[in-house]
Amino acid sequence: MHVDVSWISNKQFETINEEGAKFRMDSKKKSGGSGDFASPTDHLLAAVAGCTGIDVVSILQKMRQQFRSLRIEVDGTQAEENPKYFTQIHIKYVIEGDNVDRDKVEQAVAFSQDKYCSVRATLTDKCKVTTEIVITP
């Protein structure tokens, strides 16, 4: 895997991956950025959500679970001192669908968290990761 990150201006950067997909990053306003783009730490939280989301959707589809939507909310708490690494991340899976089997959703989330999600596996023991599942009809 490879990404190329180039400085645009002020505290903005553009990332291009090896397939040509692009995204931009910026520092938060309180840190001197314009806030026009998500910060690198926002991208880290989004990356863990996207990674586990891809896994959960794939597993639930293989389990023949009928769901209409999956939304993943991620909250992170950072250390007070530099480097302000994440000390806690809470991942909330909100699944909408009729007759969704909670046991199967829990199994899919556990498989993702414990076996498949490379972003989650990259987080060290310094960061406590918790999960929550909400199923709505």
N, C-alpha and C. Protein backbone atom coordinates (compact mmCIF):
# COMPACT_ATOMS: atom_id res chain seq x y z
N MET A 1 0.85 -1.18 0.00
CA MET A 1 0.00 0.00 0.00
C MET A 1 0.89 1.23 0.00
N HIS A 2 0.38 2.28 -0.63
CA HIS A 2 1.14 3.52 -0.71
C HIS A 2 0.17 4.69 -0.85
N VAL A 3 0.46 5.79 -0.17
CA VAL A 3 -0.24 7.05 -0.37
C VAL A 3 0.80 8.14 -0.53
N ASP A 4 0.44 9.16 -1.28
CA ASP A 4 1.29 10.32 -1.49
C ASP A 4 0.56 11.52 -0.90
N VAL A 5 1.16 12.19 0.07
CA VAL A 5 0.53 13.32 0.75
C VAL A 5 1.31 14.57 0.42
N SER A 6 0.62 15.56 -0.15
CA SER A 6 1.27 16.81 -0.56
C SER A 6 0.65 18.00 0.14
N TRP A 7 1.50 18.92 0.55
CA TRP A 7 1.06 20.16 1.18
C TRP A 7 0.40 21.05 0.13
N ILE A 8 -0.78 21.59 0.47
CA ILE A 8 -1.49 22.51 -0.42
C ILE A 8 -1.16 23.94 -0.03
N SER A 9 -1.54 24.31 1.20
CA SER A 9 -1.24 25.63 1.75
C SER A 9 -1.63 25.62 3.23
N ASN A 10 -1.18 26.63 3.97
CA ASN A 10 -1.46 26.74 5.39
C ASN A 10 -1.26 25.38 6.05
N LYS A 11 -2.32 24.74 6.52
CA LYS A 11 -2.21 23.43 7.15
C LYS A 11 -3.02 22.37 6.40
N GLN A 12 -3.19 22.58 5.11
CA GLN A 12 -3.97 21.67 4.28
C GLN A 12 -3.05 20.76 3.47
N PHE A 13 -3.48 19.49 3.36
CA PHE A 13 -2.75 18.49 2.59
C PHE A 13 -3.72 17.71 1.74
N GLU A 14 -3.23 17.21 0.60
CA GLU A 14 -4.03 16.33 -0.24
C GLU A 14 -3.36 14.97 -0.30
N THR A 15 -4.16 13.93 -0.17
CA THR A 15 -3.68 12.57 -0.22
C THR A 15 -4.20 11.89 -1.48
N ILE A 16 -3.32 11.16 -2.14
CA ILE A 16 -3.69 10.37 -3.32
C ILE A 16 -3.18 8.95 -3.07
N ASN A 17 -4.09 7.97 -3.18
CA ASN A 17 -3.65 6.59 -2.98
C ASN A 17 -3.18 6.00 -4.31
N GLU A 18 -2.73 4.75 -4.26
CA GLU A 18 -2.16 4.12 -5.45
C GLU A 18 -3.17 3.85 -6.55
N GLU A 19 -4.47 3.98 -6.23
CA GLU A 19 -5.51 3.83 -7.25
C GLU A 19 -5.99 5.18 -7.77
N GLY A 20 -5.41 6.26 -7.27
CA GLY A 20 -5.76 7.60 -7.74
C GLY A 20 -6.87 8.29 -6.96
N ALA A 21 -7.40 7.63 -5.93
CA ALA A 21 -8.44 8.26 -5.11
C ALA A 21 -7.80 9.35 -4.24
N LYS A 22 -8.52 10.46 -4.09
CA LYS A 22 -7.98 11.61 -3.37
C LYS A 22 -8.86 12.00 -2.19
N PHE A 23 -8.22 12.54 -1.16
CA PHE A 23 -8.94 13.23 -0.10
C PHE A 23 -8.01 14.28 0.50
N ARG A 24 -8.62 15.26 1.12
CA ARG A 24 -7.86 16.35 1.72
C ARG A 24 -8.00 16.35 3.23
N MET A 25 -6.98 16.89 3.88
CA MET A 25 -6.97 17.02 5.33
C MET A 25 -6.60 18.45 5.69
N ASP A 26 -7.03 18.84 6.87
CA ASP A 26 -6.74 20.19 7.37
C ASP A 26 -6.65 20.09 8.89
N SER A 27 -6.06 21.08 9.47
CA SER A 27 -6.04 21.17 10.92
C SER A 27 -7.35 21.82 11.37
N LYS A 28 -7.76 21.51 12.57
CA LYS A 28 -8.96 22.15 13.11
C LYS A 28 -8.69 23.63 13.31
N LYS A 29 -9.76 24.43 13.32
CA LYS A 29 -9.63 25.89 13.47
C LYS A 29 -8.86 26.26 14.74
N LYS A 30 -9.13 25.54 15.84
CA LYS A 30 -8.46 25.86 17.12
C LYS A 30 -6.95 25.62 17.05
N SER A 31 -6.51 24.88 16.02
CA SER A 31 -5.08 24.61 15.84
C SER A 31 -4.48 25.40 14.68
N GLY A 32 -5.22 26.38 14.20
CA GLY A 32 -4.69 27.24 13.15
C GLY A 32 -5.06 26.86 11.73
N GLY A 33 -5.87 25.85 11.57
CA GLY A 33 -6.31 25.47 10.23
C GLY A 33 -7.58 26.21 9.84
N SER A 34 -8.01 26.01 8.62
CA SER A 34 -9.25 26.64 8.16
C SER A 34 -10.46 25.80 8.54
N GLY A 35 -10.24 24.51 8.81
CA GLY A 35 -11.35 23.61 9.11
C GLY A 35 -12.16 23.24 7.89
N ASP A 36 -11.63 23.52 6.69
CA ASP A 36 -12.35 23.20 5.46
C ASP A 36 -12.45 21.70 5.20
N PHE A 37 -11.50 20.95 5.72
CA PHE A 37 -11.47 19.50 5.51
C PHE A 37 -11.32 18.83 6.86
N ALA A 38 -11.64 17.55 6.91
CA ALA A 38 -11.51 16.79 8.15
C ALA A 38 -10.03 16.71 8.54
N SER A 39 -9.80 16.65 9.85
CA SER A 39 -8.44 16.55 10.36
C SER A 39 -7.93 15.11 10.25
N PRO A 40 -6.62 14.92 10.38
CA PRO A 40 -6.10 13.55 10.37
C PRO A 40 -6.74 12.67 11.44
N THR A 41 -7.02 13.22 12.62
CA THR A 41 -7.64 12.41 13.67
C THR A 41 -9.09 12.10 13.33
N ASP A 42 -9.79 13.01 12.64
CA ASP A 42 -11.13 12.70 12.14
C ASP A 42 -11.06 11.53 11.16
N HIS A 43 -10.06 11.58 10.30
CA HIS A 43 -9.88 10.50 9.32
C HIS A 43 -9.59 9.17 10.00
N LEU A 44 -8.85 9.18 11.11
CA LEU A 44 -8.58 7.94 11.83
C LEU A 44 -9.88 7.35 12.37
N LEU A 45 -10.73 8.18 12.97
CA LEU A 45 -12.01 7.68 13.46
C LEU A 45 -12.88 7.18 12.31
N ALA A 46 -12.88 7.91 11.21
CA ALA A 46 -13.65 7.47 10.03
C ALA A 46 -13.08 6.18 9.46
N ALA A 47 -11.76 6.03 9.51
CA ALA A 47 -11.13 4.82 8.98
C ALA A 47 -11.54 3.59 9.78
N VAL A 48 -11.58 3.71 11.10
CA VAL A 48 -12.00 2.55 11.89
C VAL A 48 -13.47 2.23 11.62
N ALA A 49 -14.30 3.27 11.44
CA ALA A 49 -15.72 3.05 11.13
C ALA A 49 -15.88 2.41 9.76
N GLY A 50 -15.18 2.92 8.77
CA GLY A 50 -15.28 2.37 7.42
C GLY A 50 -14.78 0.94 7.34
N CYS A 51 -13.67 0.68 8.00
CA CYS A 51 -13.09 -0.66 7.99
C CYS A 51 -14.03 -1.68 8.62
N THR A 52 -14.51 -1.38 9.81
CA THR A 52 -15.41 -2.32 10.47
C THR A 52 -16.76 -2.38 9.76
N GLY A 53 -17.20 -1.26 9.19
CA GLY A 53 -18.47 -1.25 8.46
C GLY A 53 -18.44 -2.17 7.25
N ILE A 54 -17.36 -2.14 6.51
CA ILE A 54 -17.22 -3.02 5.35
C ILE A 54 -17.30 -4.48 5.79
N ASP A 55 -16.61 -4.79 6.89
CA ASP A 55 -16.65 -6.16 7.42
C ASP A 55 -18.06 -6.56 7.83
N VAL A 56 -18.71 -5.71 8.64
CA VAL A 56 -20.03 -6.04 9.18
C VAL A 56 -21.05 -6.23 8.06
N VAL A 57 -21.06 -5.35 7.07
CA VAL A 57 -21.98 -5.49 5.94
C VAL A 57 -21.73 -6.82 5.23
N SER A 58 -20.49 -7.12 4.95
CA SER A 58 -20.16 -8.36 4.24
C SER A 58 -20.60 -9.59 5.04
N ILE A 59 -20.32 -9.59 6.33
CA ILE A 59 -20.68 -10.74 7.17
C ILE A 59 -22.20 -10.88 7.28
N LEU A 60 -22.90 -9.76 7.52
CA LEU A 60 -24.36 -9.83 7.64
C LEU A 60 -25.02 -10.27 6.34
N GLN A 61 -24.47 -9.85 5.20
CA GLN A 61 -25.02 -10.30 3.93
C GLN A 61 -24.82 -11.81 3.76
N LYS A 62 -23.67 -12.32 4.16
CA LYS A 62 -23.42 -13.77 4.09
C LYS A 62 -24.35 -14.53 5.04
N MET A 63 -24.73 -13.88 6.14
CA MET A 63 -25.66 -14.49 7.10
C MET A 63 -27.12 -14.30 6.68
N ARG A 64 -27.30 -13.67 5.51
CA ARG A 64 -28.64 -13.42 4.94
C ARG A 64 -29.53 -12.57 5.85
N GLN A 65 -28.90 -11.61 6.50
CA GLN A 65 -29.66 -10.67 7.32
C GLN A 65 -30.19 -9.55 6.43
N GLN A 66 -31.46 -9.25 6.57
CA GLN A 66 -32.11 -8.22 5.78
C GLN A 66 -32.08 -6.91 6.57
N PHE A 67 -31.21 -5.99 6.15
CA PHE A 67 -31.16 -4.69 6.81
C PHE A 67 -31.19 -3.60 5.74
N ARG A 68 -31.77 -2.46 6.10
CA ARG A 68 -31.90 -1.34 5.16
C ARG A 68 -30.76 -0.35 5.28
N SER A 69 -30.23 -0.22 6.49
CA SER A 69 -29.16 0.76 6.65
C SER A 69 -28.26 0.36 7.81
N LEU A 70 -27.05 0.85 7.72
CA LEU A 70 -26.07 0.72 8.80
C LEU A 70 -25.40 2.07 8.93
N ARG A 71 -25.47 2.64 10.09
CA ARG A 71 -24.77 3.89 10.40
C ARG A 71 -23.82 3.59 11.55
N ILE A 72 -22.63 4.11 11.48
CA ILE A 72 -21.64 3.87 12.53
C ILE A 72 -21.23 5.21 13.11
N GLU A 73 -21.47 5.38 14.40
CA GLU A 73 -21.07 6.60 15.10
C GLU A 73 -19.83 6.27 15.91
N VAL A 74 -18.82 7.11 15.80
CA VAL A 74 -17.57 6.87 16.51
C VAL A 74 -17.22 8.10 17.35
N ASP A 75 -16.99 7.88 18.63
CA ASP A 75 -16.55 8.93 19.53
C ASP A 75 -15.16 8.58 20.03
N GLY A 76 -14.28 9.56 20.03
CA GLY A 76 -12.92 9.33 20.50
C GLY A 76 -12.54 10.33 21.57
N THR A 77 -11.75 9.87 22.52
CA THR A 77 -11.20 10.73 23.57
C THR A 77 -9.69 10.68 23.45
N GLN A 78 -9.09 11.86 23.41
CA GLN A 78 -7.65 11.94 23.25
C GLN A 78 -6.97 12.31 24.57
N ALA A 79 -5.71 11.91 24.70
CA ALA A 79 -4.90 12.29 25.86
C ALA A 79 -4.75 13.81 25.88
N GLU A 80 -4.57 14.35 27.07
CA GLU A 80 -4.43 15.80 27.23
C GLU A 80 -3.09 16.33 26.74
N GLU A 81 -2.05 15.53 26.90
CA GLU A 81 -0.69 15.96 26.55
C GLU A 81 -0.26 15.38 25.21
N ASN A 82 0.66 16.04 24.54
CA ASN A 82 1.22 15.55 23.28
C ASN A 82 2.08 14.32 23.52
N PRO A 83 2.06 13.33 22.68
CA PRO A 83 1.17 13.25 21.52
C PRO A 83 -0.23 12.88 21.98
N LYS A 84 -1.20 13.58 21.48
CA LYS A 84 -2.59 13.41 21.93
C LYS A 84 -3.24 12.19 21.26
N TYR A 85 -2.71 11.02 21.61
CA TYR A 85 -3.23 9.78 21.05
C TYR A 85 -4.62 9.51 21.63
N PHE A 86 -5.37 8.65 20.97
CA PHE A 86 -6.69 8.29 21.45
C PHE A 86 -6.55 7.33 22.64
N THR A 87 -7.18 7.69 23.74
CA THR A 87 -7.21 6.82 24.91
C THR A 87 -8.44 5.93 24.91
N GLN A 88 -9.50 6.41 24.28
CA GLN A 88 -10.75 5.65 24.18
C GLN A 88 -11.41 5.92 22.85
N ILE A 89 -11.98 4.88 22.28
CA ILE A 89 -12.81 5.00 21.08
C ILE A 89 -14.05 4.15 21.31
N HIS A 90 -15.21 4.75 21.10
CA HIS A 90 -16.48 4.02 21.24
C HIS A 90 -17.14 3.96 19.87
N ILE A 91 -17.46 2.75 19.44
CA ILE A 91 -18.06 2.53 18.13
C ILE A 91 -19.50 2.06 18.34
N LYS A 92 -20.43 2.84 17.80
CA LYS A 92 -21.86 2.52 17.92
C LYS A 92 -22.40 2.16 16.55
N TYR A 93 -22.90 0.93 16.43
CA TYR A 93 -23.48 0.44 15.19
C TYR A 93 -24.99 0.61 15.28
N VAL A 94 -25.57 1.36 14.37
CA VAL A 94 -27.02 1.56 14.33
C VAL A 94 -27.53 0.90 13.06
N ILE A 95 -28.26 -0.19 13.26
CA ILE A 95 -28.73 -1.00 12.13
C ILE A 95 -30.24 -0.91 12.06
N GLU A 96 -30.73 -0.68 10.85
CA GLU A 96 -32.17 -0.59 10.63
C GLU A 96 -32.60 -1.73 9.73
N GLY A 97 -33.63 -2.46 10.18
CA GLY A 97 -34.15 -3.55 9.36
C GLY A 97 -35.16 -4.37 10.13
N ASP A 98 -36.02 -5.03 9.41
CA ASP A 98 -37.01 -5.91 10.02
C ASP A 98 -36.41 -7.29 10.25
N ASN A 99 -36.70 -7.86 11.38
CA ASN A 99 -36.27 -9.23 11.71
C ASN A 99 -34.76 -9.42 11.67
N VAL A 100 -34.01 -8.37 12.08
CA VAL A 100 -32.56 -8.51 12.17
C VAL A 100 -32.24 -9.26 13.46
N ASP A 101 -31.45 -10.31 13.34
CA ASP A 101 -31.10 -11.16 14.48
C ASP A 101 -29.94 -10.53 15.25
N ARG A 102 -30.21 -10.09 16.49
CA ARG A 102 -29.21 -9.42 17.32
C ARG A 102 -27.97 -10.30 17.52
N ASP A 103 -28.16 -11.59 17.72
CA ASP A 103 -27.02 -12.49 17.92
C ASP A 103 -26.10 -12.49 16.70
N LYS A 104 -26.68 -12.46 15.53
CA LYS A 104 -25.87 -12.44 14.30
C LYS A 104 -25.14 -11.11 14.14
N VAL A 105 -25.79 -10.02 14.51
CA VAL A 105 -25.14 -8.71 14.45
C VAL A 105 -23.97 -8.68 15.43
N GLU A 106 -24.21 -9.16 16.64
CA GLU A 106 -23.14 -9.21 17.64
C GLU A 106 -21.97 -10.06 17.16
N GLN A 107 -22.28 -11.17 16.51
CA GLN A 107 -21.24 -12.04 15.97
C GLN A 107 -20.47 -11.33 14.86
N ALA A 108 -21.17 -10.63 13.98
CA ALA A 108 -20.52 -9.91 12.89
C ALA A 108 -19.60 -8.82 13.43
N VAL A 109 -20.07 -8.08 14.42
CA VAL A 109 -19.26 -7.02 15.03
C VAL A 109 -18.03 -7.63 15.70
N ALA A 110 -18.22 -8.72 16.43
CA ALA A 110 -17.09 -9.37 17.10
C ALA A 110 -16.05 -9.87 16.09
N PHE A 111 -16.52 -10.50 15.01
CA PHE A 111 -15.58 -10.95 13.97
C PHE A 111 -14.79 -9.78 13.42
N SER A 112 -15.48 -8.69 13.14
CA SER A 112 -14.80 -7.52 12.60
C SER A 112 -13.77 -6.98 13.59
N GLN A 113 -14.20 -6.78 14.82
CA GLN A 113 -13.32 -6.19 15.84
C GLN A 113 -12.13 -7.08 16.18
N ASP A 114 -12.36 -8.37 16.24
CA ASP A 114 -11.33 -9.29 16.73
C ASP A 114 -10.49 -9.97 15.65
N LYS A 115 -11.02 -10.00 14.41
CA LYS A 115 -10.34 -10.80 13.40
C LYS A 115 -10.03 -10.06 12.09
N TYR A 116 -10.97 -9.27 11.60
CA TYR A 116 -10.83 -8.77 10.23
C TYR A 116 -10.40 -7.31 10.08
N CYS A 117 -10.82 -6.42 10.93
CA CYS A 117 -10.59 -4.99 10.72
C CYS A 117 -9.13 -4.61 11.01
N SER A 118 -8.38 -4.34 9.96
CA SER A 118 -6.96 -4.01 10.11
C SER A 118 -6.75 -2.68 10.82
N VAL A 119 -7.65 -1.73 10.64
CA VAL A 119 -7.52 -0.44 11.32
C VAL A 119 -7.69 -0.64 12.82
N ARG A 120 -8.69 -1.40 13.21
CA ARG A 120 -8.90 -1.68 14.64
C ARG A 120 -7.70 -2.41 15.22
N ALA A 121 -7.16 -3.36 14.49
CA ALA A 121 -6.01 -4.14 14.97
C ALA A 121 -4.77 -3.27 15.14
N THR A 122 -4.71 -2.17 14.43
CA THR A 122 -3.56 -1.27 14.51
C THR A 122 -3.57 -0.43 15.79
N LEU A 123 -4.75 -0.22 16.35
CA LEU A 123 -4.84 0.55 17.59
C LEU A 123 -4.20 -0.23 18.73
N THR A 124 -3.36 0.43 19.51
CA THR A 124 -2.61 -0.25 20.56
C THR A 124 -3.42 -0.40 21.84
N ASP A 125 -2.82 -1.02 22.81
CA ASP A 125 -3.45 -1.20 24.11
C ASP A 125 -3.64 0.12 24.85
N LYS A 126 -3.00 1.18 24.39
CA LYS A 126 -3.20 2.50 25.00
C LYS A 126 -4.61 3.01 24.76
N CYS A 127 -5.28 2.43 23.77
CA CYS A 127 -6.62 2.89 23.38
C CYS A 127 -7.65 1.81 23.68
N LYS A 128 -8.55 2.10 24.59
CA LYS A 128 -9.63 1.17 24.92
C LYS A 128 -10.75 1.36 23.89
N VAL A 129 -11.12 0.28 23.21
CA VAL A 129 -12.18 0.34 22.20
C VAL A 129 -13.40 -0.40 22.74
N THR A 130 -14.54 0.30 22.74
CA THR A 130 -15.80 -0.30 23.17
C THR A 130 -16.79 -0.24 22.02
N THR A 131 -17.78 -1.13 22.05
CA THR A 131 -18.79 -1.16 21.00
C THR A 131 -20.18 -1.18 21.61
N GLU A 132 -21.13 -0.75 20.80
CA GLU A 132 -22.53 -0.74 21.17
C GLU A 132 -23.33 -1.04 19.91
N ILE A 133 -24.43 -1.77 20.06
CA ILE A 133 -25.28 -2.12 18.92
C ILE A 133 -26.69 -1.65 19.19
N VAL A 134 -27.28 -0.93 18.23
CA VAL A 134 -28.67 -0.50 18.31
C VAL A 134 -29.34 -1.03 17.05
N ILE A 135 -30.45 -1.77 17.23
CA ILE A 135 -31.20 -2.30 16.09
C ILE A 135 -32.58 -1.69 16.14
N THR A 136 -32.99 -1.07 15.02
CA THR A 136 -34.31 -0.47 14.93
C THR A 136 -35.06 -1.06 13.76
N PRO A 137 -36.38 -1.18 13.88
CA PRO A 137 -37.17 -1.72 12.74
C PRO A 137 -37.29 -0.69 11.62
